[in-house]
Amino acid sequence: MCDEWTAADNDRHAGTLTRRGFTAAAAGASVAVLLPSPADALAVKGRDVAIRTPDGTCDAYFVAPATGRHPAVLVWPDIMGLRPAFRQMADRLAQSGYAVLTVNQFYRSTKAPFLNPGESFDQPEIRQRIEPFRKALTTQGTTSDATAFVQFLDTQPRVDRKRGIGVTGYCMGGPMMMRTAAANPARVRAGASFHGGGLAAEGPDSPLLLVPNMKGRYLFAIAENDDARAPTDKDKLRAAFAAASVPAEIEVYPGTLHGWCPPDSRAYNPQQAERAWSRLLVTLATL
């Protein structure tokens, strides 16, 4: 099973959100906030793509500046998958000068998007729908998918193969980012995890054990309530990256709840999401 938040964890997070009265909660997982375009935004072109993997065909969204070659970025979405909010985030990153591939990590089970307006993972019936998708995604599957996605990016005319590839992961995508980087160290040279779950899990399959195989620079943006749930995880991450001599920025973002970065999230925190986005751009600038 992939490294992911449990249903019980999400119940607790949903309860915390209600008690703290976040106004963004009313929006649900419907229409995302319109994100600002970067200064000097490049003109971009996006398209839906199908990527062959050892286990089938993955539906995904690829967007890049309309001209030139650019470093590539692979995006692993959170447990609510590839949807309009992540397309918007991909467009914004492409406007900043990157060729961006955002994938449907659940392609073995369903096409994306698989949520209707107003549906989100904190609803029990939605968790029941998504849980089989999650169980079908194994660690081995994630690793083989990652290699296929990297290979796809390297065939795209808008990708500069002389530059490294970046990887980002949200929620369950955090460990997937680490697995991608460890499996493809010759190409992946930067990565970022936003409110990632299970990053410092115990056991032989822990993403933490992959750090010595990772190259480049990394960012870990941790939600405040995730840190309260697992307060030693950040220290384990810092120790692992320091031991491997791999630069990593690891920080707890005050006032944030799990899921605060995507603009359609119930926990969306625009100020801290923008701060995390700015740190992502700094991290990717090393490619």
Protein backbone atom coordinates (compact mmCIF):
# COMPACT_ATOMS: atom_id res chain seq x y z
CA MET A 1 0.00 0.00 0.00
CA CYS A 2 1.22 3.49 -0.74
CA ASP A 3 2.28 5.81 2.06
CA GLU A 4 -0.85 7.83 2.77
CA TRP A 5 -2.97 9.48 5.38
CA THR A 6 -5.47 7.15 7.01
CA ALA A 7 -9.20 7.75 7.09
CA ALA A 8 -9.00 8.26 10.86
CA ASP A 9 -6.38 10.96 10.38
CA ASN A 10 -8.59 12.77 7.93
CA ASP A 11 -11.52 12.55 10.33
CA ARG A 12 -9.39 14.25 12.97
CA HIS A 13 -8.21 16.89 10.54
CA ALA A 14 -11.75 17.58 9.37
CA GLY A 15 -12.83 18.00 12.98
CA THR A 16 -9.97 20.37 13.69
CA LEU A 17 -10.90 22.41 10.66
CA THR A 18 -14.49 22.75 11.85
CA ARG A 19 -13.49 23.76 15.35
CA ARG A 20 -11.07 26.37 14.11
CA GLY A 21 -13.72 27.81 11.82
CA PHE A 22 -11.77 28.21 8.63
CA THR A 23 -13.92 30.18 6.20
CA ALA A 24 -12.48 28.30 3.25
CA ALA A 25 -14.28 25.18 4.42
CA ALA A 26 -17.56 26.34 2.95
CA ALA A 27 -16.18 26.11 -0.55
CA GLY A 28 -15.51 22.37 -0.31
CA ALA A 29 -13.61 20.79 -3.19
CA SER A 30 -15.53 22.66 -5.86
CA VAL A 31 -14.28 25.82 -7.55
CA ALA A 32 -10.66 26.70 -6.88
CA VAL A 33 -9.58 30.20 -5.97
CA LEU A 34 -8.18 31.98 -9.01
CA LEU A 35 -4.43 32.04 -8.48
CA PRO A 36 -2.43 35.10 -9.53
CA SER A 37 -0.24 34.83 -12.60
CA PRO A 38 3.48 35.31 -12.08
CA ALA A 39 5.16 38.53 -13.07
CA ASP A 40 6.29 38.37 -16.72
CA ALA A 41 4.17 35.24 -17.21
CA LEU A 42 5.04 33.26 -20.31
CA ALA A 43 2.39 32.23 -22.82
CA VAL A 44 1.70 28.51 -22.34
CA LYS A 45 0.00 25.66 -24.15
CA GLY A 46 -1.53 22.67 -22.37
CA ARG A 47 -3.02 19.40 -23.52
CA ASP A 48 -4.32 16.12 -22.17
CA VAL A 49 -1.91 13.24 -22.73
CA ALA A 50 -1.89 9.46 -22.34
CA ILE A 51 1.28 7.82 -21.03
CA ARG A 52 2.03 4.13 -21.37
CA THR A 53 3.26 2.47 -18.17
CA PRO A 54 3.98 -1.18 -17.31
CA ASP A 55 0.45 -1.36 -15.82
CA GLY A 56 -1.61 0.42 -18.47
CA THR A 57 -2.22 3.94 -19.73
CA CYS A 58 -2.12 6.95 -17.44
CA ASP A 59 -4.20 10.03 -18.23
CA ALA A 60 -2.36 13.26 -17.44
CA TYR A 61 -2.10 16.96 -18.20
CA PHE A 62 1.00 18.45 -19.83
CA VAL A 63 1.57 22.20 -20.13
CA ALA A 64 4.65 24.17 -21.12
CA PRO A 65 5.67 27.58 -22.43
CA ALA A 66 4.64 27.95 -26.06
CA THR A 67 8.21 28.41 -27.27
CA GLY A 68 11.68 27.27 -26.25
CA ARG A 69 12.92 24.43 -24.07
CA HIS A 70 12.46 24.40 -20.31
CA PRO A 71 13.23 22.25 -17.26
CA ALA A 72 10.52 19.72 -16.56
CA VAL A 73 8.47 19.26 -13.40
CA LEU A 74 6.41 16.18 -12.51
CA VAL A 75 3.46 16.78 -10.16
CA TRP A 76 1.90 14.08 -7.95
CA PRO A 77 -1.51 15.39 -6.75
CA ASP A 78 -3.10 14.78 -3.37
CA ILE A 79 -5.62 12.00 -2.76
CA MET A 80 -8.36 13.92 -4.60
CA GLY A 81 -6.38 13.52 -7.79
CA LEU A 82 -5.91 15.39 -11.03
CA ARG A 83 -8.63 18.04 -11.20
CA PRO A 84 -9.16 21.69 -12.23
CA ALA A 85 -7.25 23.10 -9.24
CA PHE A 86 -4.13 21.11 -10.14
CA ARG A 87 -4.46 22.08 -13.80
CA GLN A 88 -4.50 25.70 -12.69
CA MET A 89 -1.43 25.14 -10.54
CA ALA A 90 0.33 23.45 -13.48
CA ASP A 91 -0.49 26.37 -15.78
CA ARG A 92 0.89 28.81 -13.24
CA LEU A 93 4.13 26.85 -12.93
CA ALA A 94 4.45 26.67 -16.71
CA GLN A 95 3.99 30.45 -16.88
CA SER A 96 7.07 30.64 -14.65
CA GLY A 97 9.15 28.75 -17.22
CA TYR A 98 8.64 25.03 -16.62
CA ALA A 99 7.30 22.11 -18.66
CA VAL A 100 4.82 20.53 -16.26
CA LEU A 101 3.27 17.05 -16.20
CA THR A 102 0.47 16.46 -13.67
CA VAL A 103 -0.64 12.86 -13.51
CA ASN A 104 -3.67 10.85 -12.46
CA GLN A 105 -1.97 8.56 -9.97
CA PHE A 106 -5.14 6.41 -9.78
CA TYR A 107 -5.29 5.58 -13.49
CA ARG A 108 -5.35 1.85 -12.72
CA SER A 109 -8.80 2.35 -11.21
CA THR A 110 -10.40 5.44 -12.75
CA LYS A 111 -10.03 8.36 -15.11
CA ALA A 112 -9.65 11.85 -13.69
CA PRO A 113 -11.39 13.87 -12.44
CA PHE A 114 -13.39 11.48 -10.27
CA LEU A 115 -14.95 13.99 -7.86
CA ASN A 116 -18.03 16.12 -8.38
CA PRO A 117 -18.26 19.75 -7.17
CA GLY A 118 -18.57 19.85 -3.39
CA GLU A 119 -17.11 16.38 -2.81
CA SER A 120 -13.95 15.95 -0.72
CA PHE A 121 -12.03 13.23 1.05
CA ASP A 122 -13.30 14.18 4.50
CA GLN A 123 -16.76 12.90 3.51
CA PRO A 124 -17.14 9.21 4.50
CA GLU A 125 -18.85 8.16 1.27
CA ILE A 126 -16.08 9.80 -0.79
CA ARG A 127 -13.40 8.04 1.24
CA GLN A 128 -15.14 4.76 0.55
CA ARG A 129 -15.06 5.53 -3.16
CA ILE A 130 -11.39 6.49 -3.22
CA GLU A 131 -9.98 3.88 -0.83
CA PRO A 132 -9.93 1.06 -3.46
CA PHE A 133 -8.07 3.39 -5.83
CA ARG A 134 -5.44 3.95 -3.17
CA LYS A 135 -5.05 0.27 -2.35
CA ALA A 136 -4.37 -0.50 -6.01
CA LEU A 137 -1.36 1.83 -5.97
CA THR A 138 1.66 -0.02 -4.58
CA THR A 139 5.16 1.20 -3.85
CA GLN A 140 6.44 -0.81 -6.81
CA GLY A 141 3.72 0.68 -9.00
CA THR A 142 4.66 4.20 -7.94
CA THR A 143 8.30 3.58 -8.79
CA SER A 144 7.60 2.10 -12.21
CA ASP A 145 5.12 4.88 -12.96
CA ALA A 146 7.68 7.49 -11.98
CA THR A 147 10.22 6.11 -14.41
CA ALA A 148 7.64 6.07 -17.22
CA PHE A 149 6.69 9.68 -16.47
CA VAL A 150 10.32 10.82 -16.47
CA GLN A 151 10.85 9.06 -19.80
CA PHE A 152 7.75 10.74 -21.21
CA LEU A 153 9.01 14.16 -20.17
CA ASP A 154 12.36 13.53 -21.83
CA THR A 155 10.62 12.93 -25.19
CA GLN A 156 8.80 16.29 -25.19
CA PRO A 157 10.13 18.99 -27.54
CA ARG A 158 9.53 21.72 -24.92
CA VAL A 159 11.69 19.93 -22.29
CA ASP A 160 15.33 20.90 -21.91
CA ARG A 161 17.08 17.60 -21.26
CA LYS A 162 20.26 19.45 -20.35
CA ARG A 163 18.50 20.61 -17.18
CA GLY A 164 17.41 18.44 -14.27
CA ILE A 165 13.79 17.44 -13.58
CA GLY A 166 11.85 18.65 -10.56
CA VAL A 167 9.14 16.69 -8.75
CA THR A 168 6.42 17.96 -6.44
CA GLY A 169 4.02 15.95 -4.28
CA TYR A 170 0.99 16.95 -2.23
CA CYS A 171 -0.30 14.86 0.70
CA MET A 172 0.13 11.26 -0.52
CA GLY A 173 2.30 12.71 -3.27
CA GLY A 174 5.05 13.61 -0.79
CA PRO A 175 6.38 10.06 -0.48
CA MET A 176 5.80 9.59 -4.21
CA MET A 177 8.07 12.55 -4.87
CA MET A 178 10.78 10.92 -2.79
CA ARG A 179 10.37 7.58 -4.56
CA THR A 180 10.57 9.31 -7.94
CA ALA A 181 13.76 11.13 -6.98
CA ALA A 182 15.43 8.04 -5.54
CA ALA A 183 14.55 5.90 -8.57
CA ASN A 184 15.73 8.49 -11.10
CA PRO A 185 18.73 10.28 -9.55
CA ALA A 186 20.35 10.95 -12.92
CA ARG A 187 17.40 13.16 -13.94
CA VAL A 188 15.62 14.36 -10.79
CA ARG A 189 17.56 17.20 -9.19
CA ALA A 190 14.95 19.02 -7.12
CA GLY A 191 11.77 18.11 -5.27
CA ALA A 192 9.13 19.47 -2.94
CA SER A 193 6.61 17.91 -0.56
CA PHE A 194 3.59 19.91 0.61
CA HIS A 195 1.77 18.54 3.68
CA GLY A 196 3.14 15.09 2.79
CA GLY A 197 2.02 12.07 4.78
CA GLY A 198 4.12 9.08 5.84
CA LEU A 199 7.46 10.68 4.95
CA ALA A 200 9.22 9.28 8.02
CA ALA A 201 7.20 6.11 8.42
CA GLU A 202 8.69 3.13 10.21
CA GLY A 203 9.64 -0.09 8.42
CA PRO A 204 11.75 -1.23 5.49
CA ASP A 205 9.57 0.58 2.93
CA SER A 206 9.91 4.01 4.55
CA PRO A 207 10.61 6.94 2.18
CA LEU A 208 13.13 8.12 4.75
CA LEU A 209 15.46 5.28 3.77
CA LEU A 210 15.58 6.59 0.19
CA VAL A 211 17.26 9.88 1.07
CA PRO A 212 20.83 8.62 0.36
CA ASN A 213 19.71 7.84 -3.21
CA MET A 214 18.35 11.34 -3.84
CA LYS A 215 20.29 14.10 -5.60
CA GLY A 216 19.77 17.84 -5.75
CA ARG A 217 17.80 20.14 -3.43
CA TYR A 218 14.50 19.53 -1.61
CA LEU A 219 11.71 21.39 0.13
CA PHE A 220 9.38 19.99 2.81
CA ALA A 221 6.52 22.31 3.73
CA ILE A 222 4.78 20.79 6.76
CA ALA A 223 1.31 21.66 8.05
CA GLU A 224 1.13 22.74 11.67
CA ASN A 225 -1.44 20.11 12.64
CA ASP A 226 0.55 17.40 10.82
CA ASP A 227 3.55 18.38 12.92
CA ALA A 228 1.45 18.18 16.07
CA ARG A 229 0.40 14.67 15.08
CA ALA A 230 3.98 13.50 14.37
CA PRO A 231 6.34 16.03 15.99
CA THR A 232 9.51 14.01 15.46
CA ASP A 233 9.09 13.52 11.69
CA LYS A 234 10.73 16.83 10.79
CA ASP A 235 13.73 15.95 12.95
CA LYS A 236 14.07 12.55 11.30
CA LEU A 237 13.95 14.19 7.87
CA ARG A 238 16.56 16.77 8.84
CA ALA A 239 18.87 14.09 10.21
CA ALA A 240 18.50 11.88 7.13
CA PHE A 241 19.21 14.68 4.65
CA ALA A 242 22.12 15.99 6.71
CA ALA A 243 23.66 12.51 6.89
CA ALA A 244 23.34 12.15 3.12
CA SER A 245 24.71 15.69 2.52
CA VAL A 246 21.61 16.49 0.45
CA PRO A 247 20.36 20.09 0.93
CA ALA A 248 16.80 20.26 2.23
CA GLU A 249 14.59 23.07 3.53
CA ILE A 250 12.27 21.54 6.13
CA GLU A 251 9.81 23.86 7.81
CA VAL A 252 6.50 23.81 9.67
CA TYR A 253 4.16 26.50 8.34
CA PRO A 254 2.37 28.20 11.27
CA GLY A 255 -1.41 28.28 11.25
CA THR A 256 -1.79 25.66 8.52
CA LEU A 257 -3.87 22.51 8.35
CA HIS A 258 -3.19 19.40 6.32
CA GLY A 259 -4.05 20.18 2.71
CA TRP A 260 -3.52 23.95 2.90
CA CYS A 261 -1.83 24.42 -0.52
CA PRO A 262 -4.30 23.45 -3.32
CA PRO A 263 -6.70 26.36 -3.93
CA ASP A 264 -9.81 24.14 -3.84
CA SER A 265 -8.93 22.56 -0.49
CA ARG A 266 -11.15 23.03 2.56
CA ALA A 267 -7.94 23.89 4.44
CA TYR A 268 -6.64 26.37 1.85
CA ASN A 269 -4.54 29.07 3.50
CA PRO A 270 -3.79 31.66 0.78
CA GLN A 271 -1.03 33.51 2.62
CA GLN A 272 0.92 30.43 3.59
CA ALA A 273 0.19 28.73 0.25
CA GLU A 274 1.78 31.68 -1.55
CA ARG A 275 4.77 31.50 0.75
CA ALA A 276 5.17 27.79 0.03
CA TRP A 277 4.82 28.47 -3.69
CA SER A 278 7.59 31.07 -3.53
CA ARG A 279 9.88 28.56 -1.81
CA LEU A 280 9.03 26.02 -4.53
CA LEU A 281 10.21 28.45 -7.20
CA VAL A 282 13.45 29.00 -5.27
CA THR A 283 13.95 25.23 -5.06
CA LEU A 284 13.24 24.65 -8.75
CA ALA A 285 15.59 27.47 -9.73
CA THR A 286 18.45 25.09 -8.92
CA LEU A 287 17.56 22.80 -11.85
